[in-house]
Amino acid sequence: MRITVYGKVQGVGFRYHTRKAAQCFGINGFVKNQVSGAVYAEAEGDQMAVDLFCEWCKKGPDWARVDRISICEAGVKEYSAFEIR
């Protein structure tokens, strides 16, 4: 999945907590800040785990404010871990 999260999501530890959530759910991929102020992630894994991860991204950590989120299917890239870029 390709996930873009908009709102107050930079400067609040969003990427760090996204990686922790991904590791808890067994998700591989990456997360990075966008110049626009959004956060972008790619996530692969078991369908239920990806669904749970996407639900987590809709809220993020307590001090973030998610205004909206875009989730699109993407081709499998066979990531071996989840990293912050």
C-alpha atoms as a PDB file:
ATOM      1  CA  MET A   1       0.000   0.000   0.000  1.00  0.00           C
ATOM      2  CA  ARG A   2       1.013   3.585  -0.580  1.00  0.00           C
ATOM      3  CA  ILE A   3      -0.090   5.827   2.275  1.00  0.00           C
ATOM      4  CA  THR A   4       0.099   9.623   2.425  1.00  0.00           C
ATOM      5  CA  VAL A   5      -0.868  11.286   5.697  1.00  0.00           C
ATOM      6  CA  TYR A   6      -1.738  14.996   5.814  1.00  0.00           C
ATOM      7  CA  GLY A   7      -2.019  17.282   8.839  1.00  0.00           C
ATOM      8  CA  LYS A   8       0.352  18.075  11.696  1.00  0.00           C
ATOM      9  CA  VAL A   9       2.515  15.044  11.003  1.00  0.00           C
ATOM     10  CA  GLN A  10       6.040  16.469  10.795  1.00  0.00           C
ATOM     11  CA  GLY A  11       8.020  17.467  13.862  1.00  0.00           C
ATOM     12  CA  VAL A  12       5.879  15.282  16.156  1.00  0.00           C
ATOM     13  CA  GLY A  13       7.696  11.930  15.920  1.00  0.00           C
ATOM     14  CA  PHE A  14       5.247  10.558  13.351  1.00  0.00           C
ATOM     15  CA  ARG A  15       7.874   8.650  11.353  1.00  0.00           C
ATOM     16  CA  TYR A  16       9.456   7.116  14.462  1.00  0.00           C
ATOM     17  CA  HIS A  17       6.089   5.930  15.778  1.00  0.00           C
ATOM     18  CA  THR A  18       5.066   4.739  12.323  1.00  0.00           C
ATOM     19  CA  ARG A  19       8.140   2.497  12.253  1.00  0.00           C
ATOM     20  CA  LYS A  20       7.309   1.169  15.740  1.00  0.00           C
ATOM     21  CA  ALA A  21       3.710   0.445  14.649  1.00  0.00           C
ATOM     22  CA  ALA A  22       4.941  -1.268  11.479  1.00  0.00           C
ATOM     23  CA  GLN A  23       7.277  -3.463  13.495  1.00  0.00           C
ATOM     24  CA  CYS A  24       4.447  -4.396  15.889  1.00  0.00           C
ATOM     25  CA  PHE A  25       2.177  -5.356  12.968  1.00  0.00           C
ATOM     26  CA  GLY A  26       4.932  -7.181  11.030  1.00  0.00           C
ATOM     27  CA  ILE A  27       4.907  -4.653   8.173  1.00  0.00           C
ATOM     28  CA  ASN A  28       7.845  -4.056   5.820  1.00  0.00           C
ATOM     29  CA  GLY A  29       8.427  -0.882   3.804  1.00  0.00           C
ATOM     30  CA  PHE A  30       9.412   2.681   4.645  1.00  0.00           C
ATOM     31  CA  VAL A  31       8.195   6.064   5.830  1.00  0.00           C
ATOM     32  CA  LYS A  32       9.509   9.518   4.895  1.00  0.00           C
ATOM     33  CA  ASN A  33       8.635  13.203   5.124  1.00  0.00           C
ATOM     34  CA  GLN A  34       7.395  14.988   2.028  1.00  0.00           C
ATOM     35  CA  VAL A  35       8.345  18.561   1.083  1.00  0.00           C
ATOM     36  CA  SER A  36       4.612  19.387   1.180  1.00  0.00           C
ATOM     37  CA  GLY A  37       4.508  18.685   4.937  1.00  0.00           C
ATOM     38  CA  ALA A  38       2.835  15.289   4.515  1.00  0.00           C
ATOM     39  CA  VAL A  39       4.278  11.918   5.502  1.00  0.00           C
ATOM     40  CA  TYR A  40       4.503   9.160   2.887  1.00  0.00           C
ATOM     41  CA  ALA A  41       4.793   5.435   3.595  1.00  0.00           C
ATOM     42  CA  GLU A  42       4.835   2.200   1.641  1.00  0.00           C
ATOM     43  CA  ALA A  43       3.694  -0.892   3.517  1.00  0.00           C
ATOM     44  CA  GLU A  44       3.730  -4.608   2.698  1.00  0.00           C
ATOM     45  CA  GLY A  45       2.673  -7.607   4.706  1.00  0.00           C
ATOM     46  CA  ASP A  46      -0.208  -9.862   5.626  1.00  0.00           C
ATOM     47  CA  GLN A  47      -3.513  -8.259   4.526  1.00  0.00           C
ATOM     48  CA  MET A  48      -4.922  -8.068   8.064  1.00  0.00           C
ATOM     49  CA  ALA A  49      -1.675  -6.528   9.341  1.00  0.00           C
ATOM     50  CA  VAL A  50      -1.675  -3.954   6.524  1.00  0.00           C
ATOM     51  CA  ASP A  51      -5.307  -3.081   7.297  1.00  0.00           C
ATOM     52  CA  LEU A  52      -4.478  -2.583  10.984  1.00  0.00           C
ATOM     53  CA  PHE A  53      -1.424  -0.500  10.081  1.00  0.00           C
ATOM     54  CA  CYS A  54      -3.524   1.711   7.792  1.00  0.00           C
ATOM     55  CA  GLU A  55      -6.027   2.202  10.623  1.00  0.00           C
ATOM     56  CA  TRP A  56      -3.162   3.222  12.916  1.00  0.00           C
ATOM     57  CA  CYS A  57      -1.962   5.743  10.311  1.00  0.00           C
ATOM     58  CA  LYS A  58      -5.402   7.379  10.318  1.00  0.00           C
ATOM     59  CA  LYS A  59      -4.742   8.469  13.910  1.00  0.00           C
ATOM     60  CA  GLY A  60      -0.955   8.400  14.375  1.00  0.00           C
ATOM     61  CA  PRO A  61       0.701   9.208  17.705  1.00  0.00           C
ATOM     62  CA  ASP A  62      -1.248  11.226  20.275  1.00  0.00           C
ATOM     63  CA  TRP A  63       0.484  14.552  19.568  1.00  0.00           C
ATOM     64  CA  ALA A  64      -0.034  14.379  15.786  1.00  0.00           C
ATOM     65  CA  ARG A  65      -3.129  15.668  14.042  1.00  0.00           C
ATOM     66  CA  VAL A  66      -4.202  13.680  10.989  1.00  0.00           C
ATOM     67  CA  ASP A  67      -6.490  15.775   8.778  1.00  0.00           C
ATOM     68  CA  ARG A  68      -6.775  13.248   5.958  1.00  0.00           C
ATOM     69  CA  ILE A  69      -5.109  10.168   4.574  1.00  0.00           C
ATOM     70  CA  SER A  70      -4.737   8.735   1.085  1.00  0.00           C
ATOM     71  CA  ILE A  71      -4.352   4.967   0.742  1.00  0.00           C
ATOM     72  CA  CYS A  72      -3.684   3.337  -2.639  1.00  0.00           C
ATOM     73  CA  GLU A  73      -2.726  -0.188  -3.596  1.00  0.00           C
ATOM     74  CA  ALA A  74       0.773  -0.633  -4.977  1.00  0.00           C
ATOM     75  CA  GLY A  75       2.775  -3.455  -6.464  1.00  0.00           C
ATOM     76  CA  VAL A  76       4.782  -5.704  -4.151  1.00  0.00           C
ATOM     77  CA  LYS A  77       8.416  -4.626  -3.835  1.00  0.00           C
ATOM     78  CA  GLU A  78       9.465  -7.279  -1.306  1.00  0.00           C
ATOM     79  CA  TYR A  79      10.910  -4.976   1.357  1.00  0.00           C
ATOM     80  CA  SER A  80      12.861  -6.879   4.011  1.00  0.00           C
ATOM     81  CA  ALA A  81      12.300  -4.447   6.920  1.00  0.00           C
ATOM     82  CA  PHE A  82      10.568  -1.148   7.743  1.00  0.00           C
ATOM     83  CA  GLU A  83      12.805   1.904   7.692  1.00  0.00           C
ATOM     84  CA  ILE A  84      12.699   5.657   8.107  1.00  0.00           C
ATOM     85  CA  ARG A  85      14.034   7.473   5.050  1.00  0.00           C
END
